[in-house]
Amino acid sequence: MKNYKIRLYGRGIFGEHVIPFNIEPTQEQVEDRVTLLINEGIMELKPHTGFYSRHHWTLTYEEVTEKKEKELILGTWV
């Protein structure tokens, strides 16, 4: 299972959430999941006045990889 960080911004709002997917998601799957999360109140949308467009939304997503802490194994940091 892979986790994806989703960002939705534009029209004076900003929202961010991490969503797990079993497969590589398509754009449509990401949009559907974001819609469900917003409707259920899980993904918070906050007011944001920035350089974002007031005329359209932008939705981005990227895979989140876990950073492993280094471990001392047989006297060597791995």
PDB file of N, CA and C in Angstrom:
ATOM      1  N   MET A   1       0.845  -1.172   0.000  1.00  0.00           N
ATOM      2  CA  MET A   1       0.000   0.000   0.000  1.00  0.00           C
ATOM      3  C   MET A   1       0.894   1.240   0.000  1.00  0.00           C
ATOM      4  N   LYS A   2       0.561   2.177  -0.859  1.00  0.00           N
ATOM      5  CA  LYS A   2       1.321   3.416  -0.970  1.00  0.00           C
ATOM      6  C   LYS A   2       0.477   4.582  -0.458  1.00  0.00           C
ATOM      7  N   ASN A   3       1.139   5.528   0.181  1.00  0.00           N
ATOM      8  CA  ASN A   3       0.469   6.731   0.661  1.00  0.00           C
ATOM      9  C   ASN A   3       0.777   7.889  -0.286  1.00  0.00           C
ATOM     10  N   TYR A   4      -0.238   8.710  -0.516  1.00  0.00           N
ATOM     11  CA  TYR A   4      -0.088   9.864  -1.396  1.00  0.00           C
ATOM     12  C   TYR A   4      -0.519  11.123  -0.657  1.00  0.00           C
ATOM     13  N   LYS A   5       0.298  12.162  -0.758  1.00  0.00           N
ATOM     14  CA  LYS A   5      -0.039  13.447  -0.166  1.00  0.00           C
ATOM     15  C   LYS A   5      -0.805  14.254  -1.209  1.00  0.00           C
ATOM     16  N   ILE A   6      -2.018  14.631  -0.849  1.00  0.00           N
ATOM     17  CA  ILE A   6      -2.916  15.338  -1.753  1.00  0.00           C
ATOM     18  C   ILE A   6      -2.995  16.789  -1.334  1.00  0.00           C
ATOM     19  N   ARG A   7      -2.903  17.700  -2.294  1.00  0.00           N
ATOM     20  CA  ARG A   7      -3.071  19.136  -2.032  1.00  0.00           C
ATOM     21  C   ARG A   7      -4.130  19.683  -2.984  1.00  0.00           C
ATOM     22  N   LEU A   8      -5.072  20.418  -2.413  1.00  0.00           N
ATOM     23  CA  LEU A   8      -6.120  21.069  -3.193  1.00  0.00           C
ATOM     24  C   LEU A   8      -6.065  22.541  -2.846  1.00  0.00           C
ATOM     25  N   TYR A   9      -5.899  23.388  -3.872  1.00  0.00           N
ATOM     26  CA  TYR A   9      -5.844  24.818  -3.599  1.00  0.00           C
ATOM     27  C   TYR A   9      -6.414  25.607  -4.764  1.00  0.00           C
ATOM     28  N   GLY A  10      -6.809  26.819  -4.462  1.00  0.00           N
ATOM     29  CA  GLY A  10      -7.414  27.709  -5.442  1.00  0.00           C
ATOM     30  C   GLY A  10      -8.693  28.296  -4.884  1.00  0.00           C
ATOM     31  N   ARG A  11      -9.171  29.333  -5.512  1.00  0.00           N
ATOM     32  CA  ARG A  11     -10.413  29.991  -5.100  1.00  0.00           C
ATOM     33  C   ARG A  11     -10.411  30.382  -3.628  1.00  0.00           C
ATOM     34  N   GLY A  12      -9.238  30.717  -3.094  1.00  0.00           N
ATOM     35  CA  GLY A  12      -9.136  31.204  -1.733  1.00  0.00           C
ATOM     36  C   GLY A  12      -9.125  30.141  -0.645  1.00  0.00           C
ATOM     37  N   ILE A  13      -8.913  28.873  -1.002  1.00  0.00           N
ATOM     38  CA  ILE A  13      -8.851  27.815   0.001  1.00  0.00           C
ATOM     39  C   ILE A  13      -7.601  26.962  -0.198  1.00  0.00           C
ATOM     40  N   PHE A  14      -7.284  26.199   0.850  1.00  0.00           N
ATOM     41  CA  PHE A  14      -6.169  25.262   0.791  1.00  0.00           C
ATOM     42  C   PHE A  14      -6.520  24.052   1.642  1.00  0.00           C
ATOM     43  N   GLY A  15      -6.265  22.850   1.137  1.00  0.00           N
ATOM     44  CA  GLY A  15      -6.484  21.623   1.887  1.00  0.00           C
ATOM     45  C   GLY A  15      -5.394  20.622   1.573  1.00  0.00           C
ATOM     46  N   GLU A  16      -5.049  19.814   2.580  1.00  0.00           N
ATOM     47  CA  GLU A  16      -3.974  18.844   2.415  1.00  0.00           C
ATOM     48  C   GLU A  16      -4.320  17.596   3.226  1.00  0.00           C
ATOM     49  N   HIS A  17      -4.035  16.407   2.664  1.00  0.00           N
ATOM     50  CA  HIS A  17      -4.352  15.158   3.346  1.00  0.00           C
ATOM     51  C   HIS A  17      -3.502  14.031   2.761  1.00  0.00           C
ATOM     52  N   VAL A  18      -3.192  13.019   3.570  1.00  0.00           N
ATOM     53  CA  VAL A  18      -2.473  11.837   3.090  1.00  0.00           C
ATOM     54  C   VAL A  18      -3.484  10.714   2.929  1.00  0.00           C
ATOM     55  N   ILE A  19      -3.510  10.107   1.732  1.00  0.00           N
ATOM     56  CA  ILE A  19      -4.493   9.078   1.398  1.00  0.00           C
ATOM     57  C   ILE A  19      -3.764   7.806   0.956  1.00  0.00           C
ATOM     58  N   PRO A  20      -4.126   6.649   1.519  1.00  0.00           N
ATOM     59  CA  PRO A  20      -3.524   5.384   1.059  1.00  0.00           C
ATOM     60  C   PRO A  20      -4.262   4.807  -0.156  1.00  0.00           C
ATOM     61  N   PHE A  21      -3.497   4.220  -1.059  1.00  0.00           N
ATOM     62  CA  PHE A  21      -4.050   3.520  -2.226  1.00  0.00           C
ATOM     63  C   PHE A  21      -3.334   2.177  -2.360  1.00  0.00           C
ATOM     64  N   ASN A  22      -4.059   1.144  -2.751  1.00  0.00           N
ATOM     65  CA  ASN A  22      -3.462  -0.174  -2.972  1.00  0.00           C
ATOM     66  C   ASN A  22      -2.731  -0.251  -4.308  1.00  0.00           C
ATOM     67  N   ILE A  23      -3.152   0.575  -5.259  1.00  0.00           N
ATOM     68  CA  ILE A  23      -2.572   0.567  -6.603  1.00  0.00           C
ATOM     69  C   ILE A  23      -2.141   1.996  -6.950  1.00  0.00           C
ATOM     70  N   GLU A  24      -1.465   2.137  -8.076  1.00  0.00           N
ATOM     71  CA  GLU A  24      -1.129   3.471  -8.573  1.00  0.00           C
ATOM     72  C   GLU A  24      -2.432   4.140  -9.003  1.00  0.00           C
ATOM     73  N   PRO A  25      -2.849   5.226  -8.322  1.00  0.00           N
ATOM     74  CA  PRO A  25      -4.159   5.811  -8.615  1.00  0.00           C
ATOM     75  C   PRO A  25      -4.167   6.623  -9.905  1.00  0.00           C
ATOM     76  N   THR A  26      -5.329   6.651 -10.527  1.00  0.00           N
ATOM     77  CA  THR A  26      -5.527   7.522 -11.681  1.00  0.00           C
ATOM     78  C   THR A  26      -6.007   8.872 -11.166  1.00  0.00           C
ATOM     79  N   GLN A  27      -5.997   9.851 -12.028  1.00  0.00           N
ATOM     80  CA  GLN A  27      -6.454  11.187 -11.652  1.00  0.00           C
ATOM     81  C   GLN A  27      -7.909  11.138 -11.182  1.00  0.00           C
ATOM     82  N   GLU A  28      -8.718  10.367 -11.869  1.00  0.00           N
ATOM     83  CA  GLU A  28     -10.132  10.261 -11.519  1.00  0.00           C
ATOM     84  C   GLU A  28     -10.321   9.637 -10.133  1.00  0.00           C
ATOM     85  N   GLN A  29      -9.531   8.616  -9.803  1.00  0.00           N
ATOM     86  CA  GLN A  29      -9.622   7.989  -8.484  1.00  0.00           C
ATOM     87  C   GLN A  29      -9.239   8.960  -7.378  1.00  0.00           C
ATOM     88  N   VAL A  30      -8.202   9.752  -7.616  1.00  0.00           N
ATOM     89  CA  VAL A  30      -7.780  10.743  -6.628  1.00  0.00           C
ATOM     90  C   VAL A  30      -8.875  11.788  -6.433  1.00  0.00           C
ATOM     91  N   GLU A  31      -9.434  12.282  -7.529  1.00  0.00           N
ATOM     92  CA  GLU A  31     -10.496  13.288  -7.439  1.00  0.00           C
ATOM     93  C   GLU A  31     -11.719  12.745  -6.696  1.00  0.00           C
ATOM     94  N   ASP A  32     -12.095  11.495  -6.971  1.00  0.00           N
ATOM     95  CA  ASP A  32     -13.240  10.883  -6.285  1.00  0.00           C
ATOM     96  C   ASP A  32     -12.980  10.755  -4.784  1.00  0.00           C
ATOM     97  N   ARG A  33     -11.779  10.320  -4.420  1.00  0.00           N
ATOM     98  CA  ARG A  33     -11.443  10.151  -3.005  1.00  0.00           C
ATOM     99  C   ARG A  33     -11.426  11.494  -2.278  1.00  0.00           C
ATOM    100  N   VAL A  34     -10.879  12.526  -2.917  1.00  0.00           N
ATOM    101  CA  VAL A  34     -10.860  13.863  -2.319  1.00  0.00           C
ATOM    102  C   VAL A  34     -12.280  14.376  -2.118  1.00  0.00           C
ATOM    103  N   THR A  35     -13.142  14.160  -3.100  1.00  0.00           N
ATOM    104  CA  THR A  35     -14.541  14.579  -2.978  1.00  0.00           C
ATOM    105  C   THR A  35     -15.208  13.912  -1.786  1.00  0.00           C
ATOM    106  N   LEU A  36     -14.986  12.607  -1.616  1.00  0.00           N
ATOM    107  CA  LEU A  36     -15.558  11.892  -0.478  1.00  0.00           C
ATOM    108  C   LEU A  36     -15.028  12.434   0.846  1.00  0.00           C
ATOM    109  N   LEU A  37     -13.724  12.680   0.916  1.00  0.00           N
ATOM    110  CA  LEU A  37     -13.122  13.185   2.150  1.00  0.00           C
ATOM    111  C   LEU A  37     -13.651  14.567   2.517  1.00  0.00           C
ATOM    112  N   ILE A  38     -13.865  15.420   1.536  1.00  0.00           N
ATOM    113  CA  ILE A  38     -14.403  16.754   1.798  1.00  0.00           C
ATOM    114  C   ILE A  38     -15.858  16.646   2.254  1.00  0.00           C
ATOM    115  N   ASN A  39     -16.652  15.817   1.581  1.00  0.00           N
ATOM    116  CA  ASN A  39     -18.065  15.650   1.941  1.00  0.00           C
ATOM    117  C   ASN A  39     -18.230  15.079   3.346  1.00  0.00           C
ATOM    118  N   GLU A  40     -17.326  14.176   3.765  1.00  0.00           N
ATOM    119  CA  GLU A  40     -17.400  13.571   5.092  1.00  0.00           C
ATOM    120  C   GLU A  40     -16.745  14.438   6.165  1.00  0.00           C
ATOM    121  N   GLY A  41     -16.130  15.543   5.771  1.00  0.00           N
ATOM    122  CA  GLY A  41     -15.496  16.449   6.730  1.00  0.00           C
ATOM    123  C   GLY A  41     -14.148  15.979   7.234  1.00  0.00           C
ATOM    124  N   ILE A  42     -13.558  15.005   6.550  1.00  0.00           N
ATOM    125  CA  ILE A  42     -12.255  14.484   6.968  1.00  0.00           C
ATOM    126  C   ILE A  42     -11.124  15.383   6.476  1.00  0.00           C
ATOM    127  N   MET A  43     -11.234  15.858   5.261  1.00  0.00           N
ATOM    128  CA  MET A  43     -10.227  16.768   4.705  1.00  0.00           C
ATOM    129  C   MET A  43     -10.695  18.195   4.945  1.00  0.00           C
ATOM    130  N   GLU A  44      -9.937  18.916   5.757  1.00  0.00           N
ATOM    131  CA  GLU A  44     -10.294  20.287   6.082  1.00  0.00           C
ATOM    132  C   GLU A  44      -9.824  21.242   4.988  1.00  0.00           C
ATOM    133  N   LEU A  45     -10.691  22.157   4.641  1.00  0.00           N
ATOM    134  CA  LEU A  45     -10.332  23.221   3.701  1.00  0.00           C
ATOM    135  C   LEU A  45     -10.239  24.510   4.494  1.00  0.00           C
ATOM    136  N   LYS A  46      -9.082  25.140   4.407  1.00  0.00           N
ATOM    137  CA  LYS A  46      -8.830  26.361   5.173  1.00  0.00           C
ATOM    138  C   LYS A  46      -8.765  27.549   4.231  1.00  0.00           C
ATOM    139  N   PRO A  47      -9.231  28.715   4.701  1.00  0.00           N
ATOM    140  CA  PRO A  47      -9.087  29.912   3.869  1.00  0.00           C
ATOM    141  C   PRO A  47      -7.611  30.249   3.685  1.00  0.00           C
ATOM    142  N   HIS A  48      -7.268  30.631   2.498  1.00  0.00           N
ATOM    143  CA  HIS A  48      -5.877  30.980   2.218  1.00  0.00           C
ATOM    144  C   HIS A  48      -5.835  32.085   1.174  1.00  0.00           C
ATOM    145  N   THR A  49      -5.235  33.172   1.543  1.00  0.00           N
ATOM    146  CA  THR A  49      -5.056  34.255   0.572  1.00  0.00           C
ATOM    147  C   THR A  49      -3.602  34.234   0.147  1.00  0.00           C
ATOM    148  N   GLY A  50      -3.380  33.820  -1.023  1.00  0.00           N
ATOM    149  CA  GLY A  50      -2.022  33.725  -1.542  1.00  0.00           C
ATOM    150  C   GLY A  50      -2.027  34.005  -3.023  1.00  0.00           C
ATOM    151  N   PHE A  51      -1.079  33.462  -3.696  1.00  0.00           N
ATOM    152  CA  PHE A  51      -0.947  33.701  -5.130  1.00  0.00           C
ATOM    153  C   PHE A  51      -1.813  32.749  -5.948  1.00  0.00           C
ATOM    154  N   TYR A  52      -2.632  31.905  -5.291  1.00  0.00           N
ATOM    155  CA  TYR A  52      -3.452  30.936  -6.005  1.00  0.00           C
ATOM    156  C   TYR A  52      -4.538  31.622  -6.822  1.00  0.00           C
ATOM    157  N   SER A  53      -4.948  30.975  -7.865  1.00  0.00           N
ATOM    158  CA  SER A  53      -5.970  31.508  -8.755  1.00  0.00           C
ATOM    159  C   SER A  53      -7.325  31.583  -8.058  1.00  0.00           C
ATOM    160  N   ARG A  54      -8.050  32.622  -8.331  1.00  0.00           N
ATOM    161  CA  ARG A  54      -9.396  32.765  -7.793  1.00  0.00           C
ATOM    162  C   ARG A  54     -10.443  32.193  -8.752  1.00  0.00           C
ATOM    163  N   HIS A  55      -9.996  31.669  -9.905  1.00  0.00           N
ATOM    164  CA  HIS A  55     -10.925  31.220 -10.934  1.00  0.00           C
ATOM    165  C   HIS A  55     -10.958  29.706 -11.142  1.00  0.00           C
ATOM    166  N   HIS A  56      -9.998  28.974 -10.575  1.00  0.00           N
ATOM    167  CA  HIS A  56     -10.010  27.525 -10.751  1.00  0.00           C
ATOM    168  C   HIS A  56      -9.311  26.828  -9.580  1.00  0.00           C
ATOM    169  N   TRP A  57      -9.499  25.505  -9.483  1.00  0.00           N
ATOM    170  CA  TRP A  57      -8.879  24.669  -8.471  1.00  0.00           C
ATOM    171  C   TRP A  57      -7.632  24.009  -9.048  1.00  0.00           C
ATOM    172  N   THR A  58      -6.695  23.686  -8.195  1.00  0.00           N
ATOM    173  CA  THR A  58      -5.542  22.897  -8.584  1.00  0.00           C
ATOM    174  C   THR A  58      -5.435  21.743  -7.600  1.00  0.00           C
ATOM    175  N   LEU A  59      -5.295  20.527  -8.116  1.00  0.00           N
ATOM    176  CA  LEU A  59      -5.179  19.334  -7.296  1.00  0.00           C
ATOM    177  C   LEU A  59      -3.869  18.650  -7.660  1.00  0.00           C
ATOM    178  N   THR A  60      -3.003  18.455  -6.666  1.00  0.00           N
ATOM    179  CA  THR A  60      -1.733  17.767  -6.903  1.00  0.00           C
ATOM    180  C   THR A  60      -1.632  16.596  -5.941  1.00  0.00           C
ATOM    181  N   TYR A  61      -0.884  15.580  -6.347  1.00  0.00           N
ATOM    182  CA  TYR A  61      -0.617  14.462  -5.448  1.00  0.00           C
ATOM    183  C   TYR A  61       0.756  13.892  -5.739  1.00  0.00           C
ATOM    184  N   GLU A  62       1.392  13.387  -4.666  1.00  0.00           N
ATOM    185  CA  GLU A  62       2.712  12.795  -4.797  1.00  0.00           C
ATOM    186  C   GLU A  62       2.836  11.655  -3.797  1.00  0.00           C
ATOM    187  N   GLU A  63       3.607  10.651  -4.165  1.00  0.00           N
ATOM    188  CA  GLU A  63       3.798   9.511  -3.277  1.00  0.00           C
ATOM    189  C   GLU A  63       4.668   9.928  -2.091  1.00  0.00           C
ATOM    190  N   VAL A  64       4.263   9.501  -0.911  1.00  0.00           N
ATOM    191  CA  VAL A  64       5.008   9.794   0.304  1.00  0.00           C
ATOM    192  C   VAL A  64       5.811   8.559   0.661  1.00  0.00           C
ATOM    193  N   THR A  65       7.110   8.726   0.787  1.00  0.00           N
ATOM    194  CA  THR A  65       7.964   7.613   1.182  1.00  0.00           C
ATOM    195  C   THR A  65       8.397   7.824   2.619  1.00  0.00           C
ATOM    196  N   GLU A  66       8.431   6.735   3.375  1.00  0.00           N
ATOM    197  CA  GLU A  66       8.821   6.820   4.771  1.00  0.00           C
ATOM    198  C   GLU A  66      10.336   6.921   4.863  1.00  0.00           C
ATOM    199  N   LYS A  67      10.789   7.792   5.732  1.00  0.00           N
ATOM    200  CA  LYS A  67      12.220   7.920   5.969  1.00  0.00           C
ATOM    201  C   LYS A  67      12.597   7.004   7.115  1.00  0.00           C
ATOM    202  N   LYS A  68      13.534   6.119   6.864  1.00  0.00           N
ATOM    203  CA  LYS A  68      13.999   5.215   7.903  1.00  0.00           C
ATOM    204  C   LYS A  68      15.093   5.905   8.698  1.00  0.00           C
ATOM    205  N   GLU A  69      15.027   5.723  10.003  1.00  0.00           N
ATOM    206  CA  GLU A  69      16.105   6.235  10.829  1.00  0.00           C
ATOM    207  C   GLU A  69      17.288   5.287  10.705  1.00  0.00           C
ATOM    208  N   LYS A  70      18.452   5.850  10.837  1.00  0.00           N
ATOM    209  CA  LYS A  70      19.645   5.013  10.747  1.00  0.00           C
ATOM    210  C   LYS A  70      19.725   4.097  11.964  1.00  0.00           C
ATOM    211  N   GLU A  71      20.168   2.874  11.733  1.00  0.00           N
ATOM    212  CA  GLU A  71      20.320   1.896  12.792  1.00  0.00           C
ATOM    213  C   GLU A  71      21.780   1.490  12.880  1.00  0.00           C
ATOM    214  N   LEU A  72      22.220   1.209  14.097  1.00  0.00           N
ATOM    215  CA  LEU A  72      23.571   0.731  14.312  1.00  0.00           C
ATOM    216  C   LEU A  72      23.547  -0.794  14.214  1.00  0.00           C
ATOM    217  N   ILE A  73      24.098  -1.325  13.121  1.00  0.00           N
ATOM    218  CA  ILE A  73      24.125  -2.771  12.913  1.00  0.00           C
ATOM    219  C   ILE A  73      25.571  -3.214  12.796  1.00  0.00           C
ATOM    220  N   LEU A  74      25.979  -4.073  13.702  1.00  0.00           N
ATOM    221  CA  LEU A  74      27.352  -4.607  13.735  1.00  0.00           C
ATOM    222  C   LEU A  74      28.386  -3.487  13.664  1.00  0.00           C
ATOM    223  N   GLY A  75      28.137  -2.419  14.413  1.00  0.00           N
ATOM    224  CA  GLY A  75      29.107  -1.329  14.491  1.00  0.00           C
ATOM    225  C   GLY A  75      29.082  -0.357  13.339  1.00  0.00           C
ATOM    226  N   THR A  76      28.125  -0.497  12.416  1.00  0.00           N
ATOM    227  CA  THR A  76      28.032   0.381  11.260  1.00  0.00           C
ATOM    228  C   THR A  76      26.636   1.001  11.213  1.00  0.00           C
ATOM    229  N   TRP A  77      26.582   2.297  10.976  1.00  0.00           N
ATOM    230  CA  TRP A  77      25.280   2.978  10.819  1.00  0.00           C
ATOM    231  C   TRP A  77      24.724   2.703   9.441  1.00  0.00           C
ATOM    232  N   VAL A  78      23.535   2.162   9.398  1.00  0.00           N
ATOM    233  CA  VAL A  78      22.901   1.800   8.129  1.00  0.00           C
ATOM    234  C   VAL A  78      21.648   2.638   7.952  1.00  0.00           C
TER     235      VAL A  78
END
